[in-house]
Amino acid sequence: MLSFTAPLVGMRFRPPAQELVQELQPGDRLLLRRQPDNLHDENAIQVLLQQDAFNSREGRDFGEFLDQCRETYDWARRDQEELALALEDPIPLGYIKRENAALASPAMLDAGLPEIVGEFTLNLRGFPEVKWEVADESERPPSGAVGE
């Protein structure tokens, strides 16, 4: 099994991503999606939060969270189309740091995984990270195996 842990970056460009990440707790489920058509990085891996994963912890409600965000964030500065995209499910939080994505994206591609579930964590300095695992070649069924 190939294990990856990588910084979560770019949150400040995706409101309300920063606010959402502040509400996450280590172990919260995140979705990692390869973006081979990304104009800036063919190895880009987008990090997303599914609303049901956010709501899965006791005492958290995504609707209530959005109400709190509306009170603290100047939503009027955003056009409605941009706001709708920011709040679709799953919600984009940011990306895996480029250097880490350069290693992880090919592993996901080799495993035939356009997306994978990871988990939120914090590094020793308290910065957000994501960890996930991808089966390496020795753990995958042989090509042409029954069921493929």
N, C-alpha and C. Protein backbone atom coordinates (compact mmCIF):
# COMPACT_ATOMS: atom_id res chain seq x y z
N MET A 1 0.85 -1.18 0.00
CA MET A 1 0.00 0.00 0.00
C MET A 1 0.90 1.24 0.00
N LEU A 2 0.59 2.17 -0.88
CA LEU A 2 1.31 3.44 -0.91
C LEU A 2 0.55 4.43 -0.05
N SER A 3 1.22 5.00 0.94
CA SER A 3 0.59 5.97 1.84
C SER A 3 1.09 7.37 1.51
N PHE A 4 0.14 8.30 1.49
CA PHE A 4 0.46 9.69 1.19
C PHE A 4 -0.08 10.59 2.30
N THR A 5 0.66 11.61 2.63
CA THR A 5 0.20 12.71 3.49
C THR A 5 0.72 13.98 2.83
N ALA A 6 -0.20 14.92 2.60
CA ALA A 6 0.19 16.12 1.86
C ALA A 6 -0.56 17.34 2.38
N PRO A 7 0.08 18.51 2.28
CA PRO A 7 -0.60 19.74 2.67
C PRO A 7 -1.80 20.04 1.78
N LEU A 8 -2.81 20.63 2.38
CA LEU A 8 -3.99 21.13 1.67
C LEU A 8 -3.73 22.61 1.40
N VAL A 9 -3.72 23.01 0.13
CA VAL A 9 -3.39 24.38 -0.25
C VAL A 9 -4.50 25.01 -1.09
N GLY A 10 -4.45 26.33 -1.21
CA GLY A 10 -5.37 27.05 -2.08
C GLY A 10 -6.73 27.34 -1.50
N MET A 11 -6.89 27.16 -0.21
CA MET A 11 -8.21 27.34 0.42
C MET A 11 -8.69 28.78 0.36
N ARG A 12 -7.76 29.72 0.42
CA ARG A 12 -8.18 31.13 0.47
C ARG A 12 -8.81 31.59 -0.83
N PHE A 13 -8.64 30.81 -1.90
CA PHE A 13 -9.22 31.17 -3.19
C PHE A 13 -10.61 30.57 -3.40
N ARG A 14 -11.09 29.79 -2.44
CA ARG A 14 -12.35 29.07 -2.58
C ARG A 14 -13.27 29.26 -1.38
N PRO A 15 -13.80 30.47 -1.19
CA PRO A 15 -14.72 30.67 -0.07
C PRO A 15 -15.92 29.74 -0.20
N PRO A 16 -16.39 29.15 0.84
CA PRO A 16 -16.00 29.28 2.25
C PRO A 16 -15.04 28.20 2.72
N ALA A 17 -14.09 27.80 1.87
CA ALA A 17 -13.19 26.70 2.20
C ALA A 17 -12.42 26.92 3.50
N GLN A 18 -11.86 28.11 3.70
CA GLN A 18 -11.09 28.35 4.92
C GLN A 18 -11.95 28.14 6.17
N GLU A 19 -13.16 28.64 6.11
CA GLU A 19 -14.06 28.50 7.25
C GLU A 19 -14.43 27.04 7.47
N LEU A 20 -14.65 26.29 6.39
CA LEU A 20 -14.98 24.87 6.50
C LEU A 20 -13.82 24.09 7.12
N VAL A 21 -12.61 24.36 6.64
CA VAL A 21 -11.44 23.64 7.15
C VAL A 21 -11.26 23.89 8.64
N GLN A 22 -11.57 25.08 9.10
CA GLN A 22 -11.47 25.37 10.54
C GLN A 22 -12.45 24.53 11.36
N GLU A 23 -13.53 24.06 10.72
CA GLU A 23 -14.52 23.24 11.41
C GLU A 23 -14.20 21.75 11.36
N LEU A 24 -13.27 21.36 10.48
CA LEU A 24 -12.95 19.94 10.34
C LEU A 24 -12.14 19.43 11.51
N GLN A 25 -12.26 18.15 11.74
CA GLN A 25 -11.51 17.49 12.80
C GLN A 25 -10.72 16.35 12.20
N PRO A 26 -9.55 16.04 12.76
CA PRO A 26 -8.79 14.91 12.23
C PRO A 26 -9.66 13.67 12.11
N GLY A 27 -9.54 13.02 10.98
CA GLY A 27 -10.33 11.83 10.70
C GLY A 27 -11.54 12.11 9.82
N ASP A 28 -11.92 13.38 9.64
CA ASP A 28 -13.05 13.69 8.76
C ASP A 28 -12.72 13.24 7.33
N ARG A 29 -13.71 12.69 6.69
CA ARG A 29 -13.57 12.11 5.35
C ARG A 29 -13.56 13.22 4.29
N LEU A 30 -12.60 13.11 3.35
CA LEU A 30 -12.49 14.04 2.23
C LEU A 30 -12.42 13.24 0.93
N LEU A 31 -12.80 13.87 -0.14
CA LEU A 31 -12.74 13.25 -1.46
C LEU A 31 -11.59 13.89 -2.23
N LEU A 32 -10.72 13.06 -2.80
CA LEU A 32 -9.61 13.54 -3.61
C LEU A 32 -9.88 13.15 -5.05
N ARG A 33 -9.84 14.12 -5.95
CA ARG A 33 -10.20 13.89 -7.35
C ARG A 33 -9.08 14.40 -8.26
N ARG A 34 -8.55 13.49 -9.06
CA ARG A 34 -7.52 13.88 -10.04
C ARG A 34 -8.14 14.85 -11.05
N GLN A 35 -7.34 15.81 -11.50
CA GLN A 35 -7.77 16.76 -12.52
C GLN A 35 -6.74 16.81 -13.65
N PRO A 36 -6.70 15.76 -14.49
CA PRO A 36 -5.69 15.72 -15.55
C PRO A 36 -5.83 16.84 -16.58
N ASP A 37 -6.99 17.47 -16.66
CA ASP A 37 -7.20 18.56 -17.61
C ASP A 37 -6.95 19.94 -16.99
N ASN A 38 -6.43 19.98 -15.77
CA ASN A 38 -6.14 21.24 -15.10
C ASN A 38 -5.08 22.02 -15.91
N LEU A 39 -5.38 23.26 -16.23
CA LEU A 39 -4.49 24.08 -17.07
C LEU A 39 -3.15 24.37 -16.42
N HIS A 40 -3.08 24.37 -15.10
CA HIS A 40 -1.86 24.74 -14.39
C HIS A 40 -1.01 23.55 -13.97
N ASP A 41 -1.64 22.36 -13.88
CA ASP A 41 -0.90 21.19 -13.38
C ASP A 41 -1.65 19.93 -13.78
N GLU A 42 -1.07 19.16 -14.68
CA GLU A 42 -1.72 17.93 -15.14
C GLU A 42 -1.84 16.86 -14.05
N ASN A 43 -1.06 17.02 -12.97
CA ASN A 43 -1.13 16.08 -11.85
C ASN A 43 -2.01 16.60 -10.71
N ALA A 44 -2.72 17.69 -10.93
CA ALA A 44 -3.51 18.31 -9.86
C ALA A 44 -4.49 17.31 -9.25
N ILE A 45 -4.59 17.39 -7.92
CA ILE A 45 -5.57 16.60 -7.17
C ILE A 45 -6.39 17.57 -6.34
N GLN A 46 -7.67 17.66 -6.68
CA GLN A 46 -8.57 18.56 -5.96
C GLN A 46 -9.07 17.87 -4.70
N VAL A 47 -9.23 18.63 -3.63
CA VAL A 47 -9.74 18.11 -2.36
C VAL A 47 -11.14 18.68 -2.17
N LEU A 48 -12.10 17.79 -1.92
CA LEU A 48 -13.49 18.19 -1.78
C LEU A 48 -14.08 17.64 -0.49
N LEU A 49 -15.10 18.31 -0.01
CA LEU A 49 -15.82 17.87 1.18
C LEU A 49 -17.26 17.60 0.79
N GLN A 50 -17.72 16.39 1.08
CA GLN A 50 -19.12 16.06 0.84
C GLN A 50 -19.93 16.49 2.05
N GLN A 51 -21.09 17.08 1.80
CA GLN A 51 -21.90 17.61 2.89
C GLN A 51 -22.27 16.52 3.91
N ASP A 52 -22.52 15.30 3.44
CA ASP A 52 -22.87 14.25 4.39
C ASP A 52 -21.69 13.92 5.30
N ALA A 53 -20.46 14.06 4.80
CA ALA A 53 -19.28 13.83 5.65
C ALA A 53 -19.18 14.92 6.71
N PHE A 54 -19.51 16.15 6.33
CA PHE A 54 -19.49 17.25 7.30
C PHE A 54 -20.55 17.02 8.37
N ASN A 55 -21.73 16.59 7.95
CA ASN A 55 -22.84 16.38 8.89
C ASN A 55 -22.69 15.12 9.73
N SER A 56 -21.73 14.25 9.37
CA SER A 56 -21.62 12.97 10.07
C SER A 56 -21.16 13.10 11.52
N ARG A 57 -20.50 14.17 11.85
CA ARG A 57 -20.09 14.39 13.25
C ARG A 57 -21.24 15.00 14.03
N GLU A 58 -21.43 14.51 15.21
CA GLU A 58 -22.53 15.00 16.06
C GLU A 58 -22.38 16.49 16.31
N GLY A 59 -23.46 17.19 16.19
CA GLY A 59 -23.47 18.62 16.48
C GLY A 59 -23.12 19.51 15.30
N ARG A 60 -22.83 18.91 14.13
CA ARG A 60 -22.51 19.74 12.97
C ARG A 60 -23.63 19.65 11.96
N ASP A 61 -24.01 20.78 11.43
CA ASP A 61 -25.05 20.84 10.41
C ASP A 61 -24.58 21.82 9.34
N PHE A 62 -24.53 21.35 8.10
CA PHE A 62 -23.99 22.19 7.03
C PHE A 62 -24.84 23.44 6.82
N GLY A 63 -26.14 23.31 6.90
CA GLY A 63 -27.02 24.47 6.74
C GLY A 63 -26.73 25.54 7.78
N GLU A 64 -26.57 25.14 9.03
CA GLU A 64 -26.24 26.09 10.09
C GLU A 64 -24.88 26.73 9.85
N PHE A 65 -23.93 25.91 9.39
CA PHE A 65 -22.60 26.43 9.09
C PHE A 65 -22.69 27.53 8.02
N LEU A 66 -23.45 27.28 6.96
CA LEU A 66 -23.59 28.28 5.89
C LEU A 66 -24.21 29.57 6.43
N ASP A 67 -25.19 29.43 7.31
CA ASP A 67 -25.79 30.63 7.90
C ASP A 67 -24.74 31.45 8.65
N GLN A 68 -23.88 30.77 9.39
CA GLN A 68 -22.81 31.48 10.12
C GLN A 68 -21.85 32.15 9.14
N CYS A 69 -21.53 31.46 8.04
CA CYS A 69 -20.63 32.04 7.03
C CYS A 69 -21.24 33.29 6.42
N ARG A 70 -22.52 33.25 6.15
CA ARG A 70 -23.18 34.40 5.53
C ARG A 70 -23.08 35.63 6.43
N GLU A 71 -23.05 35.40 7.73
CA GLU A 71 -22.95 36.52 8.67
C GLU A 71 -21.53 37.11 8.71
N THR A 72 -20.53 36.29 8.43
CA THR A 72 -19.16 36.76 8.58
C THR A 72 -18.45 37.05 7.26
N TYR A 73 -18.98 36.58 6.15
CA TYR A 73 -18.31 36.74 4.87
C TYR A 73 -19.12 37.66 3.97
N ASP A 74 -18.45 38.49 3.24
CA ASP A 74 -19.13 39.44 2.35
C ASP A 74 -19.56 38.72 1.07
N TRP A 75 -20.68 37.99 1.18
CA TRP A 75 -21.18 37.22 0.03
C TRP A 75 -21.57 38.13 -1.12
N ALA A 76 -21.88 39.38 -0.85
CA ALA A 76 -22.30 40.29 -1.91
C ALA A 76 -21.17 40.55 -2.90
N ARG A 77 -19.92 40.37 -2.46
CA ARG A 77 -18.79 40.59 -3.37
C ARG A 77 -18.71 39.51 -4.45
N ARG A 78 -19.29 38.39 -4.23
CA ARG A 78 -19.23 37.27 -5.17
C ARG A 78 -20.45 37.29 -6.07
N ASP A 79 -20.24 36.99 -7.35
CA ASP A 79 -21.42 36.89 -8.19
C ASP A 79 -22.13 35.57 -7.88
N GLN A 80 -23.38 35.48 -8.21
CA GLN A 80 -24.21 34.35 -7.82
C GLN A 80 -23.73 33.03 -8.45
N GLU A 81 -23.21 33.08 -9.66
CA GLU A 81 -22.72 31.85 -10.30
C GLU A 81 -21.52 31.30 -9.55
N GLU A 82 -20.59 32.16 -9.19
CA GLU A 82 -19.42 31.75 -8.43
C GLU A 82 -19.83 31.19 -7.07
N LEU A 83 -20.78 31.83 -6.43
CA LEU A 83 -21.25 31.36 -5.13
C LEU A 83 -21.91 29.99 -5.25
N ALA A 84 -22.72 29.80 -6.28
CA ALA A 84 -23.38 28.50 -6.48
C ALA A 84 -22.35 27.40 -6.69
N LEU A 85 -21.29 27.67 -7.46
CA LEU A 85 -20.24 26.68 -7.68
C LEU A 85 -19.49 26.36 -6.39
N ALA A 86 -19.27 27.37 -5.57
CA ALA A 86 -18.55 27.17 -4.32
C ALA A 86 -19.32 26.30 -3.35
N LEU A 87 -20.64 26.28 -3.48
CA LEU A 87 -21.47 25.56 -2.51
C LEU A 87 -22.08 24.28 -3.05
N GLU A 88 -21.69 23.86 -4.26
CA GLU A 88 -22.25 22.61 -4.76
C GLU A 88 -21.62 21.45 -4.01
N ASP A 89 -22.30 20.32 -4.01
CA ASP A 89 -21.85 19.15 -3.26
C ASP A 89 -21.21 18.17 -4.24
N PRO A 90 -19.97 17.78 -4.07
CA PRO A 90 -19.07 18.10 -2.97
C PRO A 90 -18.47 19.51 -3.11
N ILE A 91 -18.08 20.08 -2.00
CA ILE A 91 -17.60 21.45 -1.95
C ILE A 91 -16.08 21.47 -2.12
N PRO A 92 -15.58 22.23 -3.11
CA PRO A 92 -14.13 22.32 -3.29
C PRO A 92 -13.47 23.05 -2.12
N LEU A 93 -12.45 22.41 -1.56
CA LEU A 93 -11.70 23.02 -0.45
C LEU A 93 -10.36 23.58 -0.92
N GLY A 94 -9.75 22.92 -1.86
CA GLY A 94 -8.43 23.32 -2.33
C GLY A 94 -7.80 22.18 -3.10
N TYR A 95 -6.46 22.12 -3.02
CA TYR A 95 -5.70 21.12 -3.76
C TYR A 95 -4.60 20.53 -2.89
N ILE A 96 -4.16 19.34 -3.29
CA ILE A 96 -2.96 18.75 -2.72
C ILE A 96 -1.77 19.56 -3.25
N LYS A 97 -0.81 19.84 -2.41
CA LYS A 97 0.36 20.62 -2.82
C LYS A 97 0.99 19.98 -4.06
N ARG A 98 1.39 20.82 -5.01
CA ARG A 98 1.88 20.38 -6.32
C ARG A 98 2.95 19.28 -6.24
N GLU A 99 3.94 19.45 -5.39
CA GLU A 99 5.03 18.48 -5.30
C GLU A 99 4.51 17.10 -4.88
N ASN A 100 3.55 17.08 -3.99
CA ASN A 100 2.97 15.82 -3.53
C ASN A 100 2.07 15.21 -4.60
N ALA A 101 1.31 16.07 -5.28
CA ALA A 101 0.43 15.59 -6.35
C ALA A 101 1.22 14.97 -7.49
N ALA A 102 2.43 15.47 -7.74
CA ALA A 102 3.28 14.91 -8.80
C ALA A 102 3.62 13.45 -8.53
N LEU A 103 3.65 13.05 -7.27
CA LEU A 103 3.91 11.65 -6.91
C LEU A 103 2.62 10.84 -6.81
N ALA A 104 1.58 11.45 -6.23
CA ALA A 104 0.36 10.71 -5.94
C ALA A 104 -0.55 10.53 -7.16
N SER A 105 -0.63 11.52 -8.02
CA SER A 105 -1.54 11.43 -9.16
C SER A 105 -1.19 10.25 -10.08
N PRO A 106 0.09 10.05 -10.44
CA PRO A 106 0.41 8.88 -11.25
C PRO A 106 0.07 7.56 -10.57
N ALA A 107 0.23 7.49 -9.25
CA ALA A 107 -0.14 6.27 -8.53
C ALA A 107 -1.65 6.02 -8.62
N MET A 108 -2.43 7.10 -8.50
CA MET A 108 -3.89 6.96 -8.64
C MET A 108 -4.24 6.54 -10.06
N LEU A 109 -3.58 7.13 -11.05
CA LEU A 109 -3.82 6.78 -12.45
C LEU A 109 -3.49 5.32 -12.70
N ASP A 110 -2.32 4.86 -12.22
CA ASP A 110 -1.91 3.46 -12.39
C ASP A 110 -2.91 2.50 -11.75
N ALA A 111 -3.53 2.93 -10.66
CA ALA A 111 -4.51 2.09 -9.96
C ALA A 111 -5.91 2.22 -10.57
N GLY A 112 -6.06 3.10 -11.58
CA GLY A 112 -7.36 3.28 -12.22
C GLY A 112 -8.34 4.04 -11.35
N LEU A 113 -7.82 4.95 -10.52
CA LEU A 113 -8.65 5.69 -9.58
C LEU A 113 -8.73 7.17 -9.95
N PRO A 114 -9.84 7.62 -10.54
CA PRO A 114 -9.98 9.05 -10.81
C PRO A 114 -10.21 9.84 -9.53
N GLU A 115 -10.73 9.17 -8.51
CA GLU A 115 -10.91 9.80 -7.20
C GLU A 115 -10.78 8.74 -6.12
N ILE A 116 -10.52 9.23 -4.91
CA ILE A 116 -10.30 8.33 -3.78
C ILE A 116 -10.68 9.07 -2.50
N VAL A 117 -11.03 8.32 -1.48
CA VAL A 117 -11.39 8.91 -0.20
C VAL A 117 -10.12 9.02 0.66
N GLY A 118 -9.96 10.19 1.25
CA GLY A 118 -8.85 10.42 2.17
C GLY A 118 -9.39 10.93 3.48
N GLU A 119 -8.50 11.35 4.34
CA GLU A 119 -8.97 11.87 5.62
C GLU A 119 -8.19 13.12 6.01
N PHE A 120 -8.90 14.01 6.65
CA PHE A 120 -8.33 15.28 7.11
C PHE A 120 -7.44 15.01 8.31
N THR A 121 -6.34 15.75 8.37
CA THR A 121 -5.45 15.68 9.52
C THR A 121 -4.76 17.03 9.68
N LEU A 122 -4.05 17.20 10.75
CA LEU A 122 -3.26 18.41 10.98
C LEU A 122 -1.81 17.99 11.18
N ASN A 123 -0.88 18.79 10.64
CA ASN A 123 0.52 18.47 10.90
C ASN A 123 0.90 18.97 12.30
N LEU A 124 2.14 18.79 12.67
CA LEU A 124 2.57 19.15 14.03
C LEU A 124 2.46 20.65 14.31
N ARG A 125 2.45 21.46 13.26
CA ARG A 125 2.32 22.92 13.43
C ARG A 125 0.87 23.37 13.34
N GLY A 126 -0.06 22.41 13.16
CA GLY A 126 -1.47 22.74 13.13
C GLY A 126 -2.01 23.11 11.76
N PHE A 127 -1.21 22.89 10.70
CA PHE A 127 -1.66 23.20 9.35
C PHE A 127 -2.42 22.01 8.76
N PRO A 128 -3.43 22.27 7.94
CA PRO A 128 -4.26 21.19 7.39
C PRO A 128 -3.52 20.33 6.37
N GLU A 129 -3.74 19.04 6.50
CA GLU A 129 -3.17 18.06 5.57
C GLU A 129 -4.24 17.01 5.26
N VAL A 130 -3.94 16.22 4.25
CA VAL A 130 -4.81 15.12 3.86
C VAL A 130 -3.95 13.87 3.78
N LYS A 131 -4.49 12.77 4.25
CA LYS A 131 -3.76 11.50 4.11
C LYS A 131 -4.67 10.48 3.44
N TRP A 132 -4.06 9.62 2.64
CA TRP A 132 -4.80 8.60 1.90
C TRP A 132 -3.84 7.51 1.46
N GLU A 133 -4.41 6.41 1.01
CA GLU A 133 -3.62 5.27 0.56
C GLU A 133 -4.09 4.81 -0.82
N VAL A 134 -3.14 4.31 -1.60
CA VAL A 134 -3.42 3.77 -2.92
C VAL A 134 -2.75 2.40 -2.99
N ALA A 135 -3.48 1.41 -3.46
CA ALA A 135 -2.89 0.07 -3.60
C ALA A 135 -1.76 0.13 -4.62
N ASP A 136 -0.61 -0.49 -4.26
CA ASP A 136 0.47 -0.53 -5.24
C ASP A 136 0.27 -1.73 -6.17
N GLU A 137 1.15 -1.86 -7.16
CA GLU A 137 0.97 -2.89 -8.19
C GLU A 137 0.83 -4.29 -7.60
N SER A 138 1.59 -4.61 -6.56
CA SER A 138 1.55 -5.96 -6.00
C SER A 138 0.22 -6.28 -5.33
N GLU A 139 -0.57 -5.26 -5.01
CA GLU A 139 -1.85 -5.48 -4.33
C GLU A 139 -3.04 -5.43 -5.28
N ARG A 140 -2.79 -5.13 -6.55
CA ARG A 140 -3.88 -5.04 -7.52
C ARG A 140 -4.07 -6.38 -8.21
N PRO A 141 -5.33 -6.66 -8.61
CA PRO A 141 -5.56 -7.90 -9.36
C PRO A 141 -4.81 -7.85 -10.69
N PRO A 142 -4.33 -9.01 -11.16
CA PRO A 142 -3.62 -9.01 -12.44
C PRO A 142 -4.53 -8.56 -13.58
N SER A 143 -3.92 -7.98 -14.59
CA SER A 143 -4.67 -7.52 -15.76
C SER A 143 -5.37 -8.71 -16.39
N GLY A 144 -6.65 -8.53 -16.72
CA GLY A 144 -7.44 -9.60 -17.32
C GLY A 144 -8.01 -10.57 -16.31
N ALA A 145 -7.91 -10.25 -15.02
CA ALA A 145 -8.45 -11.12 -13.97
C ALA A 145 -9.96 -11.16 -14.07
N VAL A 146 -10.56 -12.22 -13.58
CA VAL A 146 -12.00 -12.38 -13.57
C VAL A 146 -12.64 -11.21 -12.85
N GLY A 147 -13.70 -10.65 -13.44
CA GLY A 147 -14.39 -9.54 -12.84
C GLY A 147 -13.98 -8.20 -13.40
N GLU A 148 -12.96 -8.20 -14.27
CA GLU A 148 -12.55 -6.92 -14.89
C GLU A 148 -13.30 -6.70 -16.17
